[in-house]
C-alpha atoms as a PDB file:
ATOM      1  CA  MET A   1      13.009 -30.519 -23.746  1.00  0.00           C
ATOM      2  CA  LYS A   2      10.631 -29.315 -25.863  1.00  0.00           C
ATOM      3  CA  ASN A   3       8.471 -28.537 -23.165  1.00  0.00           C
ATOM      4  CA  TYR A   4      10.630 -26.102 -21.612  1.00  0.00           C
ATOM      5  CA  ARG A   5      10.543 -24.137 -24.608  1.00  0.00           C
ATOM      6  CA  LEU A   6       6.983 -23.667 -24.290  1.00  0.00           C
ATOM      7  CA  LEU A   7       7.696 -23.267 -20.570  1.00  0.00           C
ATOM      8  CA  LEU A   8      10.065 -20.463 -20.532  1.00  0.00           C
ATOM      9  CA  PRO A   9       8.535 -17.564 -22.247  1.00  0.00           C
ATOM     10  CA  PHE A  10       5.208 -18.312 -19.957  1.00  0.00           C
ATOM     11  CA  CYS A  11       7.424 -18.135 -17.240  1.00  0.00           C
ATOM     12  CA  LEU A  12       9.207 -14.885 -18.400  1.00  0.00           C
ATOM     13  CA  ILE A  13       5.601 -13.257 -19.293  1.00  0.00           C
ATOM     14  CA  LEU A  14       4.602 -14.193 -15.881  1.00  0.00           C
ATOM     15  CA  LEU A  15       7.043 -12.584 -14.070  1.00  0.00           C
ATOM     16  CA  THR A  16       7.168  -9.499 -16.069  1.00  0.00           C
ATOM     17  CA  PHE A  17       3.574  -8.871 -14.829  1.00  0.00           C
ATOM     18  CA  SER A  18       4.374  -9.788 -11.378  1.00  0.00           C
ATOM     19  CA  LEU A  19       6.794  -7.476 -11.068  1.00  0.00           C
ATOM     20  CA  SER A  20       4.883  -4.560 -11.784  1.00  0.00           C
ATOM     21  CA  SER A  21       1.941  -5.412  -9.423  1.00  0.00           C
ATOM     22  CA  CYS A  22       4.373  -5.507  -6.726  1.00  0.00           C
ATOM     23  CA  GLU A  23       5.413  -2.130  -7.690  1.00  0.00           C
ATOM     24  CA  LEU A  24       1.841  -1.261  -7.819  1.00  0.00           C
ATOM     25  CA  ALA A  25       1.022  -2.723  -4.418  1.00  0.00           C
ATOM     26  CA  GLY A  26       4.044  -1.068  -2.785  1.00  0.00           C
ATOM     27  CA  ASP A  27       2.535   2.545  -4.088  1.00  0.00           C
ATOM     28  CA  ILE A  28      -1.079   1.817  -2.419  1.00  0.00           C
ATOM     29  CA  PHE A  29       0.811   0.712   0.932  1.00  0.00           C
ATOM     30  CA  LYS A  30       2.797   3.933   0.671  1.00  0.00           C
ATOM     31  CA  ALA A  31      -0.585   6.063  -0.073  1.00  0.00           C
ATOM     32  CA  GLY A  32      -2.592   3.759   2.905  1.00  0.00           C
ATOM     33  CA  ALA A  33       0.293   4.851   5.428  1.00  0.00           C
ATOM     34  CA  TRP A  34       0.162   8.498   4.690  1.00  0.00           C
ATOM     35  CA  THR A  35      -3.520   8.534   4.994  1.00  0.00           C
ATOM     36  CA  ALA A  36      -3.198   6.578   8.318  1.00  0.00           C
ATOM     37  CA  LEU A  37      -0.911   9.154   9.734  1.00  0.00           C
ATOM     38  CA  ILE A  38      -3.122  12.148   8.488  1.00  0.00           C
ATOM     39  CA  GLY A  39      -6.115  10.222  10.372  1.00  0.00           C
ATOM     40  CA  VAL A  40      -4.270   9.759  13.320  1.00  0.00           C
ATOM     41  CA  PHE A  41      -3.169  13.069  13.630  1.00  0.00           C
ATOM     42  CA  LEU A  42      -6.670  14.469  13.285  1.00  0.00           C
ATOM     43  CA  VAL A  43      -7.984  12.268  15.725  1.00  0.00           C
ATOM     44  CA  VAL A  44      -5.446  13.264  18.160  1.00  0.00           C
ATOM     45  CA  VAL A  45      -6.143  16.844  17.439  1.00  0.00           C
ATOM     46  CA  LEU A  46     -10.048  16.320  17.754  1.00  0.00           C
ATOM     47  CA  VAL A  47      -9.488  14.447  21.103  1.00  0.00           C
ATOM     48  CA  GLY A  48      -7.282  17.596  22.294  1.00  0.00           C
ATOM     49  CA  PHE A  49      -9.783  19.691  21.097  1.00  0.00           C
ATOM     50  CA  LEU A  50     -12.729  18.375  23.034  1.00  0.00           C
ATOM     51  CA  ILE A  51     -10.667  17.933  26.485  1.00  0.00           C
ATOM     52  CA  ARG A  52      -9.906  21.596  26.299  1.00  0.00           C
ATOM     53  CA  LYS A  53     -13.544  22.313  25.585  1.00  0.00           C
ATOM     54  CA  MET A  54     -14.234  19.987  28.525  1.00  0.00           C
ATOM     55  CA  ARG A  55     -11.911  21.547  31.156  1.00  0.00           C
ATOM     56  CA  GLY A  56     -13.281  24.940  30.621  1.00  0.00           C
END
């Protein structure tokens, strides 16, 4: 029983840190998704521009 008294606070602290890191990872993925969306949009616009210039 004595080992569990030492293990429980350690597990709670570990859980607290892991939950905050999950939030951070979620924010990073949201920023990455927006960056990818803007990048794809810019590539499509660039390809459209180049095709118009080649046609004449």
